[in-house]
Amino acid sequence: MHVLKSLVVGGLAAALSASGAFAAAPMTAWQKAGGPVDATGSFVLPPPDVEGVDPATLDALALYEGDHSGGGILDEVRLGAMGFWQNNASSNQGIYVTGEVLFDPFVRPFDNWILNVLLRPRPHLGATVSPDGPDQLFGGVTWTIPVWRSLFVETSFGGTVHNAPLKNAEVAVGCRVLFRESLGLGVDFGQHWRVVAGVDHSSHANLCGNENDGLTHLGASLGYRF
């Protein structure tokens, strides 16, 4: 009897192990949905055909993955041109050049796409410079929200340091260190290239007195993803 019980228990354990039911590595959301994940970056479009999943849902969703084969911790680099977007800034109307690097998320992927979008933003560092207006160094985190196929919305939050006048100027910002937010709309072109058009704004939320004209730019950037 003991021999028979051992054989039955051993057979069941072997079958469960072979089925992958107790695999140590958790499956991603798309693997659970029945489709393979070919991850080349932290923002990966879903597979085009996954059995049992509504195609409209597949178009609207994407999965953040931390497996980068090309860039290491670096996810993306961008270079763009912007204009000063404020009515009271006639002296700052030149072209601003902006550059930015975005890194892999610090948080490992979840099995839930909503958690991946909300809790795995990409850290970023960048600069905006111009001979006609104030320069900025900025940093923070960027959230990417898939919309439809290769279209996505992007938003960020962080801080910036700058050399704009603090008081008694056409554009006076009150503090040397400001909050910085941005909002953009982007399109992926193939595996590596993307274009993002958007606006960024920096201010101190009235924490440094009444001088709070802020710094606002509108423009577009070309990005390369590793």
C-alpha atoms as a PDB file:
ATOM      1  CA  MET A   1       0.000   0.000   0.000  1.00  0.00           C
ATOM      2  CA  HIS A   2       2.802   2.412   0.922  1.00  0.00           C
ATOM      3  CA  VAL A   3       4.544   1.648  -2.356  1.00  0.00           C
ATOM      4  CA  LEU A   4       1.340   2.294  -4.353  1.00  0.00           C
ATOM      5  CA  LYS A   5       0.704   5.602  -2.510  1.00  0.00           C
ATOM      6  CA  SER A   6       4.253   6.745  -3.234  1.00  0.00           C
ATOM      7  CA  LEU A   7       3.871   5.960  -6.929  1.00  0.00           C
ATOM      8  CA  VAL A   8       0.565   7.869  -7.162  1.00  0.00           C
ATOM      9  CA  VAL A   9       1.887  10.933  -5.318  1.00  0.00           C
ATOM     10  CA  GLY A  10       5.080  10.904  -7.351  1.00  0.00           C
ATOM     11  CA  GLY A  11       3.139  10.661 -10.616  1.00  0.00           C
ATOM     12  CA  LEU A  12       0.870  13.572  -9.707  1.00  0.00           C
ATOM     13  CA  ALA A  13       3.837  15.742  -8.720  1.00  0.00           C
ATOM     14  CA  ALA A  14       5.615  14.967 -11.980  1.00  0.00           C
ATOM     15  CA  ALA A  15       2.511  15.798 -14.017  1.00  0.00           C
ATOM     16  CA  LEU A  16       1.970  19.124 -12.259  1.00  0.00           C
ATOM     17  CA  SER A  17       5.624  20.026 -12.666  1.00  0.00           C
ATOM     18  CA  ALA A  18       5.567  19.234 -16.371  1.00  0.00           C
ATOM     19  CA  SER A  19       2.389  21.293 -16.862  1.00  0.00           C
ATOM     20  CA  GLY A  20       4.030  24.420 -15.498  1.00  0.00           C
ATOM     21  CA  ALA A  21       1.292  25.015 -12.924  1.00  0.00           C
ATOM     22  CA  PHE A  22       3.873  25.670 -10.220  1.00  0.00           C
ATOM     23  CA  ALA A  23       6.501  27.356 -12.375  1.00  0.00           C
ATOM     24  CA  ALA A  24       8.730  29.695 -10.352  1.00  0.00           C
ATOM     25  CA  ALA A  25       8.747  32.483 -12.947  1.00  0.00           C
ATOM     26  CA  PRO A  26       5.362  34.298 -13.134  1.00  0.00           C
ATOM     27  CA  MET A  27       3.767  34.687 -16.534  1.00  0.00           C
ATOM     28  CA  THR A  28       3.128  38.091 -17.963  1.00  0.00           C
ATOM     29  CA  ALA A  29      -0.417  39.288 -18.644  1.00  0.00           C
ATOM     30  CA  TRP A  30      -0.126  38.650 -22.391  1.00  0.00           C
ATOM     31  CA  GLN A  31       1.294  35.171 -21.843  1.00  0.00           C
ATOM     32  CA  LYS A  32      -1.697  34.405 -19.649  1.00  0.00           C
ATOM     33  CA  ALA A  33      -3.904  35.682 -22.458  1.00  0.00           C
ATOM     34  CA  GLY A  34      -2.375  33.103 -24.759  1.00  0.00           C
ATOM     35  CA  GLY A  35      -0.010  35.270 -26.798  1.00  0.00           C
ATOM     36  CA  PRO A  36       3.784  35.484 -26.710  1.00  0.00           C
ATOM     37  CA  VAL A  37       5.531  38.627 -25.484  1.00  0.00           C
ATOM     38  CA  ASP A  38       8.411  39.786 -27.657  1.00  0.00           C
ATOM     39  CA  ALA A  39       9.765  42.434 -25.308  1.00  0.00           C
ATOM     40  CA  THR A  40      12.261  44.904 -26.715  1.00  0.00           C
ATOM     41  CA  GLY A  41      11.661  47.702 -24.233  1.00  0.00           C
ATOM     42  CA  SER A  42       9.609  48.962 -21.336  1.00  0.00           C
ATOM     43  CA  PHE A  43       6.721  49.941 -23.640  1.00  0.00           C
ATOM     44  CA  VAL A  44       5.684  47.011 -25.835  1.00  0.00           C
ATOM     45  CA  LEU A  45       2.647  46.894 -28.087  1.00  0.00           C
ATOM     46  CA  PRO A  46       0.429  43.852 -27.520  1.00  0.00           C
ATOM     47  CA  PRO A  47       0.512  40.978 -30.003  1.00  0.00           C
ATOM     48  CA  PRO A  48      -1.842  41.578 -32.956  1.00  0.00           C
ATOM     49  CA  ASP A  49      -3.861  38.368 -32.531  1.00  0.00           C
ATOM     50  CA  VAL A  50      -4.494  36.793 -29.140  1.00  0.00           C
ATOM     51  CA  GLU A  51      -7.230  34.185 -29.054  1.00  0.00           C
ATOM     52  CA  GLY A  52     -10.081  35.041 -26.737  1.00  0.00           C
ATOM     53  CA  VAL A  53      -9.192  38.725 -26.311  1.00  0.00           C
ATOM     54  CA  ASP A  54     -11.204  41.501 -27.932  1.00  0.00           C
ATOM     55  CA  PRO A  55      -9.170  43.102 -30.790  1.00  0.00           C
ATOM     56  CA  ALA A  56     -10.229  46.586 -29.672  1.00  0.00           C
ATOM     57  CA  THR A  57      -8.774  45.841 -26.254  1.00  0.00           C
ATOM     58  CA  LEU A  58      -5.515  44.696 -27.822  1.00  0.00           C
ATOM     59  CA  ASP A  59      -5.303  47.922 -29.798  1.00  0.00           C
ATOM     60  CA  ALA A  60      -5.749  50.020 -26.675  1.00  0.00           C
ATOM     61  CA  LEU A  61      -3.416  48.183 -24.310  1.00  0.00           C
ATOM     62  CA  ALA A  62       0.336  47.726 -23.984  1.00  0.00           C
ATOM     63  CA  LEU A  63       2.587  46.049 -21.452  1.00  0.00           C
ATOM     64  CA  TYR A  64       5.618  47.502 -19.730  1.00  0.00           C
ATOM     65  CA  GLU A  65       8.525  45.067 -19.773  1.00  0.00           C
ATOM     66  CA  GLY A  66      11.941  45.487 -18.148  1.00  0.00           C
ATOM     67  CA  ASP A  67      13.846  43.228 -20.565  1.00  0.00           C
ATOM     68  CA  HIS A  68      16.045  45.437 -22.722  1.00  0.00           C
ATOM     69  CA  SER A  69      18.561  43.838 -25.012  1.00  0.00           C
ATOM     70  CA  GLY A  70      20.024  47.028 -26.457  1.00  0.00           C
ATOM     71  CA  GLY A  71      20.044  49.952 -24.079  1.00  0.00           C
ATOM     72  CA  GLY A  72      20.873  48.490 -20.672  1.00  0.00           C
ATOM     73  CA  ILE A  73      19.263  50.831 -18.137  1.00  0.00           C
ATOM     74  CA  LEU A  74      18.797  53.450 -20.865  1.00  0.00           C
ATOM     75  CA  ASP A  75      15.419  53.156 -22.604  1.00  0.00           C
ATOM     76  CA  GLU A  76      15.183  56.159 -24.934  1.00  0.00           C
ATOM     77  CA  VAL A  77      16.910  59.352 -26.069  1.00  0.00           C
ATOM     78  CA  ARG A  78      15.113  62.382 -27.550  1.00  0.00           C
ATOM     79  CA  LEU A  79      15.980  65.584 -29.345  1.00  0.00           C
ATOM     80  CA  GLY A  80      13.466  68.268 -30.222  1.00  0.00           C
ATOM     81  CA  ALA A  81      12.605  71.899 -30.891  1.00  0.00           C
ATOM     82  CA  MET A  82      10.165  74.039 -28.937  1.00  0.00           C
ATOM     83  CA  GLY A  83       8.828  77.576 -28.710  1.00  0.00           C
ATOM     84  CA  PHE A  84       8.022  79.690 -25.655  1.00  0.00           C
ATOM     85  CA  TRP A  85       4.228  79.547 -25.271  1.00  0.00           C
ATOM     86  CA  GLN A  86       3.242  82.541 -23.166  1.00  0.00           C
ATOM     87  CA  ASN A  87       1.460  85.785 -24.071  1.00  0.00           C
ATOM     88  CA  ASN A  88       3.662  87.893 -21.794  1.00  0.00           C
ATOM     89  CA  ALA A  89       6.960  86.605 -23.223  1.00  0.00           C
ATOM     90  CA  SER A  90       7.719  88.716 -26.299  1.00  0.00           C
ATOM     91  CA  SER A  91      11.432  88.701 -25.450  1.00  0.00           C
ATOM     92  CA  ASN A  92      11.626  84.901 -25.262  1.00  0.00           C
ATOM     93  CA  GLN A  93      10.166  83.947 -28.641  1.00  0.00           C
ATOM     94  CA  GLY A  94      13.200  82.143 -30.094  1.00  0.00           C
ATOM     95  CA  ILE A  95      13.639  78.442 -30.785  1.00  0.00           C
ATOM     96  CA  TYR A  96      14.442  76.230 -27.807  1.00  0.00           C
ATOM     97  CA  VAL A  97      16.377  72.991 -28.262  1.00  0.00           C
ATOM     98  CA  THR A  98      15.460  70.232 -25.856  1.00  0.00           C
ATOM     99  CA  GLY A  99      17.213  66.936 -25.180  1.00  0.00           C
ATOM    100  CA  GLU A 100      16.116  64.145 -22.893  1.00  0.00           C
ATOM    101  CA  VAL A 101      17.091  60.650 -21.789  1.00  0.00           C
ATOM    102  CA  LEU A 102      14.563  58.203 -20.348  1.00  0.00           C
ATOM    103  CA  PHE A 103      15.604  55.192 -18.287  1.00  0.00           C
ATOM    104  CA  ASP A 104      14.093  51.783 -17.651  1.00  0.00           C
ATOM    105  CA  PRO A 105      11.472  51.687 -14.866  1.00  0.00           C
ATOM    106  CA  PHE A 106      12.950  50.851 -11.478  1.00  0.00           C
ATOM    107  CA  VAL A 107       9.997  48.583 -10.627  1.00  0.00           C
ATOM    108  CA  ARG A 108       9.733  45.061 -11.993  1.00  0.00           C
ATOM    109  CA  PRO A 109       6.750  44.281 -14.293  1.00  0.00           C
ATOM    110  CA  PHE A 110       3.416  43.268 -12.816  1.00  0.00           C
ATOM    111  CA  ASP A 111       0.933  40.783 -14.272  1.00  0.00           C
ATOM    112  CA  ASN A 112      -1.649  43.561 -14.529  1.00  0.00           C
ATOM    113  CA  TRP A 113      -1.391  46.106 -17.350  1.00  0.00           C
ATOM    114  CA  ILE A 114      -3.058  48.862 -15.298  1.00  0.00           C
ATOM    115  CA  LEU A 115      -0.458  48.488 -12.544  1.00  0.00           C
ATOM    116  CA  ASN A 116       2.295  48.483 -15.167  1.00  0.00           C
ATOM    117  CA  VAL A 117       1.057  51.770 -16.622  1.00  0.00           C
ATOM    118  CA  LEU A 118       0.483  53.488 -13.273  1.00  0.00           C
ATOM    119  CA  LEU A 119       3.301  52.137 -11.093  1.00  0.00           C
ATOM    120  CA  ARG A 120       6.174  51.758 -13.586  1.00  0.00           C
ATOM    121  CA  PRO A 121       6.958  55.269 -14.905  1.00  0.00           C
ATOM    122  CA  ARG A 122      10.300  55.877 -16.595  1.00  0.00           C
ATOM    123  CA  PRO A 123      12.750  58.233 -14.841  1.00  0.00           C
ATOM    124  CA  HIS A 124      13.997  61.032 -17.101  1.00  0.00           C
ATOM    125  CA  LEU A 125      16.688  63.722 -17.215  1.00  0.00           C
ATOM    126  CA  GLY A 126      16.848  66.538 -19.743  1.00  0.00           C
ATOM    127  CA  ALA A 127      17.664  70.114 -20.655  1.00  0.00           C
ATOM    128  CA  THR A 128      16.029  72.944 -22.617  1.00  0.00           C
ATOM    129  CA  VAL A 129      18.358  75.675 -23.935  1.00  0.00           C
ATOM    130  CA  SER A 130      18.055  78.794 -26.112  1.00  0.00           C
ATOM    131  CA  PRO A 131      20.110  81.969 -26.769  1.00  0.00           C
ATOM    132  CA  ASP A 132      16.857  83.974 -26.596  1.00  0.00           C
ATOM    133  CA  GLY A 133      15.433  82.826 -23.298  1.00  0.00           C
ATOM    134  CA  PRO A 134      15.981  80.999 -20.001  1.00  0.00           C
ATOM    135  CA  ASP A 135      17.671  77.606 -19.933  1.00  0.00           C
ATOM    136  CA  GLN A 136      16.483  74.678 -17.833  1.00  0.00           C
ATOM    137  CA  LEU A 137      17.780  71.400 -16.422  1.00  0.00           C
ATOM    138  CA  PHE A 138      14.970  69.052 -15.426  1.00  0.00           C
ATOM    139  CA  GLY A 139      14.261  65.585 -14.108  1.00  0.00           C
ATOM    140  CA  GLY A 140      11.357  63.452 -12.966  1.00  0.00           C
ATOM    141  CA  VAL A 141       9.281  60.471 -14.068  1.00  0.00           C
ATOM    142  CA  THR A 142       7.281  59.852 -17.246  1.00  0.00           C
ATOM    143  CA  TRP A 143       4.102  57.795 -17.645  1.00  0.00           C
ATOM    144  CA  THR A 144       3.206  56.344 -21.057  1.00  0.00           C
ATOM    145  CA  ILE A 145      -0.444  55.434 -21.669  1.00  0.00           C
ATOM    146  CA  PRO A 146      -1.305  53.405 -24.802  1.00  0.00           C
ATOM    147  CA  VAL A 147      -4.314  54.687 -26.748  1.00  0.00           C
ATOM    148  CA  TRP A 148      -4.694  52.807 -30.026  1.00  0.00           C
ATOM    149  CA  ARG A 149      -2.127  50.732 -31.927  1.00  0.00           C
ATOM    150  CA  SER A 150       1.047  52.852 -32.108  1.00  0.00           C
ATOM    151  CA  LEU A 151      -0.595  55.982 -30.654  1.00  0.00           C
ATOM    152  CA  PHE A 152       0.070  56.882 -27.029  1.00  0.00           C
ATOM    153  CA  VAL A 153      -0.357  59.679 -24.495  1.00  0.00           C
ATOM    154  CA  GLU A 154       2.498  60.720 -22.258  1.00  0.00           C
ATOM    155  CA  THR A 155       2.614  62.752 -19.063  1.00  0.00           C
ATOM    156  CA  SER A 156       5.405  63.566 -16.649  1.00  0.00           C
ATOM    157  CA  PHE A 157       6.059  65.234 -13.314  1.00  0.00           C
ATOM    158  CA  GLY A 158       9.257  66.403 -11.660  1.00  0.00           C
ATOM    159  CA  GLY A 159      11.366  69.456 -11.000  1.00  0.00           C
ATOM    160  CA  THR A 160      13.635  71.915 -12.803  1.00  0.00           C
ATOM    161  CA  VAL A 161      16.373  74.459 -12.136  1.00  0.00           C
ATOM    162  CA  HIS A 162      16.742  77.444 -14.491  1.00  0.00           C
ATOM    163  CA  ASN A 163      18.410  80.811 -15.087  1.00  0.00           C
ATOM    164  CA  ALA A 164      15.262  82.897 -15.673  1.00  0.00           C
ATOM    165  CA  PRO A 165      14.799  86.189 -13.776  1.00  0.00           C
ATOM    166  CA  LEU A 166      13.169  85.758 -10.375  1.00  0.00           C
ATOM    167  CA  LYS A 167      11.732  89.278 -10.015  1.00  0.00           C
ATOM    168  CA  ASN A 168      11.150  92.569 -11.861  1.00  0.00           C
ATOM    169  CA  ALA A 169      11.174  91.153 -15.416  1.00  0.00           C
ATOM    170  CA  GLU A 170       8.742  90.468 -18.244  1.00  0.00           C
ATOM    171  CA  VAL A 171       8.820  86.813 -17.217  1.00  0.00           C
ATOM    172  CA  ALA A 172       9.631  86.496 -13.504  1.00  0.00           C
ATOM    173  CA  VAL A 173       9.310  83.096 -11.898  1.00  0.00           C
ATOM    174  CA  GLY A 174      10.001  83.712  -8.214  1.00  0.00           C
ATOM    175  CA  CYS A 175      12.036  80.580  -7.387  1.00  0.00           C
ATOM    176  CA  ARG A 176      15.222  79.095  -8.776  1.00  0.00           C
ATOM    177  CA  VAL A 177      13.778  75.567  -8.382  1.00  0.00           C
ATOM    178  CA  LEU A 178      10.316  74.869  -9.832  1.00  0.00           C
ATOM    179  CA  PHE A 179       7.872  72.037 -10.330  1.00  0.00           C
ATOM    180  CA  ARG A 180       7.696  70.815 -13.934  1.00  0.00           C
ATOM    181  CA  GLU A 181       4.863  68.942 -15.675  1.00  0.00           C
ATOM    182  CA  SER A 182       4.360  67.887 -19.288  1.00  0.00           C
ATOM    183  CA  LEU A 183       1.673  66.383 -21.510  1.00  0.00           C
ATOM    184  CA  GLY A 184       2.199  64.934 -24.982  1.00  0.00           C
ATOM    185  CA  LEU A 185       0.790  62.810 -27.776  1.00  0.00           C
ATOM    186  CA  GLY A 186       3.116  60.362 -29.509  1.00  0.00           C
ATOM    187  CA  VAL A 187       3.293  57.890 -32.388  1.00  0.00           C
ATOM    188  CA  ASP A 188       5.656  54.922 -32.742  1.00  0.00           C
ATOM    189  CA  PHE A 189       7.245  54.343 -36.151  1.00  0.00           C
ATOM    190  CA  GLY A 190       8.534  50.798 -36.166  1.00  0.00           C
ATOM    191  CA  GLN A 191      10.473  49.251 -33.310  1.00  0.00           C
ATOM    192  CA  HIS A 192      12.818  52.122 -32.448  1.00  0.00           C
ATOM    193  CA  TRP A 193      11.606  55.527 -33.665  1.00  0.00           C
ATOM    194  CA  ARG A 194       8.842  57.737 -32.303  1.00  0.00           C
ATOM    195  CA  VAL A 195       7.624  61.340 -32.494  1.00  0.00           C
ATOM    196  CA  VAL A 196       6.109  63.119 -29.503  1.00  0.00           C
ATOM    197  CA  ALA A 197       4.380  66.524 -29.652  1.00  0.00           C
ATOM    198  CA  GLY A 198       3.521  68.226 -26.414  1.00  0.00           C
ATOM    199  CA  VAL A 199       3.669  71.035 -23.900  1.00  0.00           C
ATOM    200  CA  ASP A 200       5.611  71.472 -20.656  1.00  0.00           C
ATOM    201  CA  HIS A 201       5.071  73.956 -17.852  1.00  0.00           C
ATOM    202  CA  SER A 202       7.203  74.943 -14.859  1.00  0.00           C
ATOM    203  CA  SER A 203       6.082  77.007 -11.863  1.00  0.00           C
ATOM    204  CA  HIS A 204       6.263  77.059  -8.058  1.00  0.00           C
ATOM    205  CA  ALA A 205       2.520  76.763  -7.253  1.00  0.00           C
ATOM    206  CA  ASN A 206       2.652  80.145  -5.453  1.00  0.00           C
ATOM    207  CA  LEU A 207       5.144  78.873  -2.894  1.00  0.00           C
ATOM    208  CA  CYS A 208       7.567  81.760  -3.534  1.00  0.00           C
ATOM    209  CA  GLY A 209       5.283  84.765  -3.404  1.00  0.00           C
ATOM    210  CA  ASN A 210       3.427  86.570  -6.176  1.00  0.00           C
ATOM    211  CA  GLU A 211       6.137  86.336  -8.868  1.00  0.00           C
ATOM    212  CA  ASN A 212       4.994  83.185 -10.681  1.00  0.00           C
ATOM    213  CA  ASP A 213       4.783  83.752 -14.451  1.00  0.00           C
ATOM    214  CA  GLY A 214       6.057  80.232 -15.062  1.00  0.00           C
ATOM    215  CA  LEU A 215       7.917  78.792 -18.039  1.00  0.00           C
ATOM    216  CA  THR A 216       5.853  77.077 -20.759  1.00  0.00           C
ATOM    217  CA  HIS A 217       7.054  75.472 -24.014  1.00  0.00           C
ATOM    218  CA  LEU A 218       5.228  73.877 -26.948  1.00  0.00           C
ATOM    219  CA  GLY A 219       6.951  71.699 -29.547  1.00  0.00           C
ATOM    220  CA  ALA A 220       7.908  68.217 -30.716  1.00  0.00           C
ATOM    221  CA  SER A 221      10.718  65.695 -30.234  1.00  0.00           C
ATOM    222  CA  LEU A 222      12.123  62.747 -32.145  1.00  0.00           C
ATOM    223  CA  GLY A 223      12.893  59.759 -29.959  1.00  0.00           C
ATOM    224  CA  TYR A 224      15.003  56.621 -30.461  1.00  0.00           C
ATOM    225  CA  ARG A 225      14.248  53.581 -28.299  1.00  0.00           C
ATOM    226  CA  PHE A 226      16.928  50.967 -27.681  1.00  0.00           C
END
